Amino acid sequence: MATEEAMGCGGVLRDEEGNVRALFSGPCDAIDADSAELGAIITALDVIIEIG
């Protein structure tokens, strides 16, 4: 069930050839859209570090 208070973030990480390397999604505790975008960027960087 969606509410106006709920936000999520996610993304697709691809290599230089366009192949999918990782997918991520989930809820985030953002207070606005900009915070949700920043949360997605931080999560993407964490995933990049993890997969090398």
Protein backbone atom coordinates (compact mmCIF):
# COMPACT_ATOMS: atom_id res chain seq x y z
CA MET A 1 0.00 0.00 0.00
CA ALA A 2 1.48 3.33 -1.03
CA THR A 3 1.28 6.42 1.11
CA GLU A 4 2.48 9.94 0.57
CA GLU A 5 4.95 9.48 3.42
CA ALA A 6 6.61 6.37 1.95
CA MET A 7 9.61 6.65 -0.35
CA GLY A 8 11.86 4.11 -1.95
CA CYS A 9 15.12 4.18 -3.80
CA GLY A 10 16.75 1.85 -6.23
CA GLY A 11 18.94 1.53 -9.23
CA VAL A 12 20.59 -0.58 -11.89
CA LEU A 13 24.38 -0.67 -12.15
CA ARG A 14 25.76 -1.54 -15.58
CA ASP A 15 29.27 -2.10 -16.87
CA GLU A 16 30.83 -0.28 -19.82
CA GLU A 17 29.15 -2.72 -22.25
CA GLY A 18 25.70 -2.14 -20.78
CA ASN A 19 25.47 -5.47 -18.98
CA VAL A 20 23.63 -5.42 -15.66
CA ARG A 21 26.07 -5.90 -12.78
CA ALA A 22 23.74 -5.23 -9.85
CA LEU A 23 20.18 -4.26 -8.99
CA PHE A 24 19.05 -2.70 -5.74
CA SER A 25 15.81 -1.33 -4.34
CA GLY A 26 14.13 -0.80 -1.05
CA PRO A 27 12.55 1.69 1.28
CA CYS A 28 14.46 4.76 2.38
CA ASP A 29 13.95 7.20 5.20
CA ALA A 30 14.09 10.26 2.97
CA ILE A 31 12.13 13.40 3.76
CA ASP A 32 11.95 14.57 0.15
CA ALA A 33 12.82 13.50 -3.40
CA ASP A 34 16.31 15.02 -3.25
CA SER A 35 17.12 13.01 -0.13
CA ALA A 36 15.83 9.85 -1.81
CA GLU A 37 18.10 10.49 -4.82
CA LEU A 38 21.07 11.03 -2.54
CA GLY A 39 20.24 7.81 -0.70
CA ALA A 40 20.21 5.93 -4.02
CA ILE A 41 23.60 7.40 -4.96
CA ILE A 42 25.12 6.41 -1.62
CA THR A 43 23.68 2.90 -1.92
CA ALA A 44 25.03 2.61 -5.48
CA LEU A 45 28.51 3.61 -4.31
CA ASP A 46 28.35 1.02 -1.52
CA VAL A 47 27.37 -1.66 -4.04
CA ILE A 48 30.17 -0.64 -6.42
CA ILE A 49 32.71 -0.92 -3.60
CA GLU A 50 31.30 -4.31 -2.58
CA ILE A 51 31.38 -5.87 -6.07
CA GLY A 52 34.69 -4.26 -7.03
